[in-house]
């Protein structure tokens, strides 16, 4: 799970310009009558277009070819993060607004 949160934090840092803000929030929540610990990483970065969101967790998918090459990465980090989270019986979600930022939330089941 360290790799999951490392990847999400690196992405938040990478796509948030100087003077922006990144926050981490840990809460407990319910989903389908199950209790989860949720960890949200929110940034005030460039954001991701709504039509891109369904593909973010696909292997080798990169939002913008040129931006991704400039900042590195092969488009595997979010796919691997999703697999790790699901291997722990959890799930991951994303919300984003272009120009306003992105929030990834990891939900892990409570014992």
Protein backbone atom coordinates (compact mmCIF):
# COMPACT_ATOMS: atom_id res chain seq x y z
CA UNK A 1 0.00 0.00 0.00
CA UNK A 2 2.99 2.28 0.45
CA UNK A 3 3.47 2.19 -3.33
CA UNK A 4 -0.17 3.22 -3.89
CA UNK A 5 0.07 6.31 -1.72
CA UNK A 6 3.55 7.16 -3.00
CA UNK A 7 2.25 7.10 -6.58
CA UNK A 8 -0.78 9.26 -5.75
CA UNK A 9 1.38 11.79 -3.89
CA UNK A 10 3.98 11.96 -6.67
CA UNK A 11 1.21 12.59 -9.21
CA UNK A 12 -0.29 15.32 -7.04
CA UNK A 13 3.10 17.01 -6.69
CA UNK A 14 3.89 16.59 -10.38
CA UNK A 15 0.67 18.24 -11.60
CA UNK A 16 0.33 20.99 -8.97
CA UNK A 17 2.26 24.15 -9.71
CA UNK A 18 4.26 26.11 -7.18
CA UNK A 19 1.96 27.81 -4.71
CA UNK A 20 -0.72 25.14 -5.14
CA UNK A 21 -2.02 22.97 -2.35
CA UNK A 22 -2.07 19.23 -1.68
CA UNK A 23 -4.00 17.75 1.21
CA UNK A 24 -4.48 14.29 2.67
CA UNK A 25 -7.62 13.37 4.55
CA UNK A 26 -8.27 10.11 6.39
CA UNK A 27 -11.82 9.22 7.43
CA UNK A 28 -14.02 6.23 7.93
CA UNK A 29 -17.01 5.75 5.68
CA UNK A 30 -19.67 3.28 4.67
CA UNK A 31 -20.31 1.79 1.24
CA UNK A 32 -22.81 -0.99 0.47
CA UNK A 33 -23.26 -1.65 4.22
CA UNK A 34 -19.51 -2.16 4.74
CA UNK A 35 -17.16 0.08 6.72
CA UNK A 36 -14.08 1.48 5.02
CA UNK A 37 -11.15 3.63 5.97
CA UNK A 38 -10.81 6.21 3.23
CA UNK A 39 -7.70 8.18 2.34
CA UNK A 40 -8.19 11.15 0.01
CA UNK A 41 -5.34 12.96 -1.69
CA UNK A 42 -6.55 16.26 -3.13
CA UNK A 43 -4.58 18.78 -5.15
CA UNK A 44 -5.19 22.17 -6.72
CA UNK A 45 -3.36 21.14 -9.89
CA UNK A 46 -4.25 21.24 -13.55
CA UNK A 47 -7.11 18.74 -13.28
CA UNK A 48 -8.24 16.08 -15.72
CA UNK A 49 -11.02 16.39 -18.29
CA UNK A 50 -14.16 14.44 -17.47
CA UNK A 51 -13.97 12.36 -20.65
CA UNK A 52 -10.51 11.12 -19.59
CA UNK A 53 -11.55 9.87 -16.14
CA UNK A 54 -12.96 6.45 -17.18
CA UNK A 55 -9.57 5.50 -18.68
CA UNK A 56 -7.20 6.67 -15.93
CA UNK A 57 -6.77 3.22 -14.42
CA UNK A 58 -6.13 1.47 -17.77
CA UNK A 59 -2.59 0.19 -18.33
CA UNK A 60 -0.43 2.48 -20.47
CA UNK A 61 -3.10 5.20 -20.57
CA UNK A 62 -1.73 8.74 -20.31
CA UNK A 63 -3.96 11.81 -20.27
CA UNK A 64 -1.75 13.88 -22.54
CA UNK A 65 1.02 12.25 -24.48
CA UNK A 66 3.25 15.33 -24.50
CA UNK A 67 2.73 16.24 -20.83
CA UNK A 68 3.37 12.68 -19.70
CA UNK A 69 6.59 12.41 -21.67
CA UNK A 70 7.76 15.72 -20.22
CA UNK A 71 7.08 14.63 -16.64
CA UNK A 72 7.92 10.95 -17.03
CA UNK A 73 5.92 7.81 -16.51
CA UNK A 74 4.64 5.03 -18.72
CA UNK A 75 0.98 5.07 -17.76
CA UNK A 76 1.25 2.15 -15.34
CA UNK A 77 1.17 3.80 -11.92
CA UNK A 78 -2.58 4.22 -11.54
CA UNK A 79 -3.32 0.79 -13.04
CA UNK A 80 -0.96 -0.84 -10.55
CA UNK A 81 -2.37 1.25 -7.69
CA UNK A 82 -5.88 0.06 -8.53
CA UNK A 83 -4.74 -3.57 -8.61
CA UNK A 84 -3.03 -3.23 -5.21
CA UNK A 85 -6.10 -1.61 -3.66
CA UNK A 86 -8.42 -4.28 -5.08
CA UNK A 87 -6.07 -7.01 -3.83
CA UNK A 88 -6.76 -5.62 -0.35
CA UNK A 89 -10.54 -5.82 -1.02
CA UNK A 90 -10.83 -2.07 -1.49
CA UNK A 91 -11.51 0.34 -4.33
CA UNK A 92 -10.22 3.66 -5.61
CA UNK A 93 -12.11 6.62 -7.07
CA UNK A 94 -11.21 9.88 -8.77
CA UNK A 95 -12.91 13.26 -9.13
CA UNK A 96 -11.42 16.12 -11.09
CA UNK A 97 -12.14 19.51 -12.60
CA UNK A 98 -9.87 21.00 -15.25
CA UNK A 99 -8.09 24.01 -13.81
CA UNK A 100 -9.26 23.29 -10.26
CA UNK A 101 -7.57 20.03 -9.27
CA UNK A 102 -8.02 16.34 -8.66
CA UNK A 103 -8.97 14.08 -5.76
CA UNK A 104 -8.14 10.39 -5.55
CA UNK A 105 -9.75 8.43 -2.73
CA UNK A 106 -8.64 4.97 -1.65
CA UNK A 107 -11.18 2.91 0.31
CA UNK A 108 -9.88 -0.01 2.37
CA UNK A 109 -12.15 -2.29 4.40
CA UNK A 110 -12.08 -1.98 8.16
CA UNK A 111 -11.36 -5.24 9.94
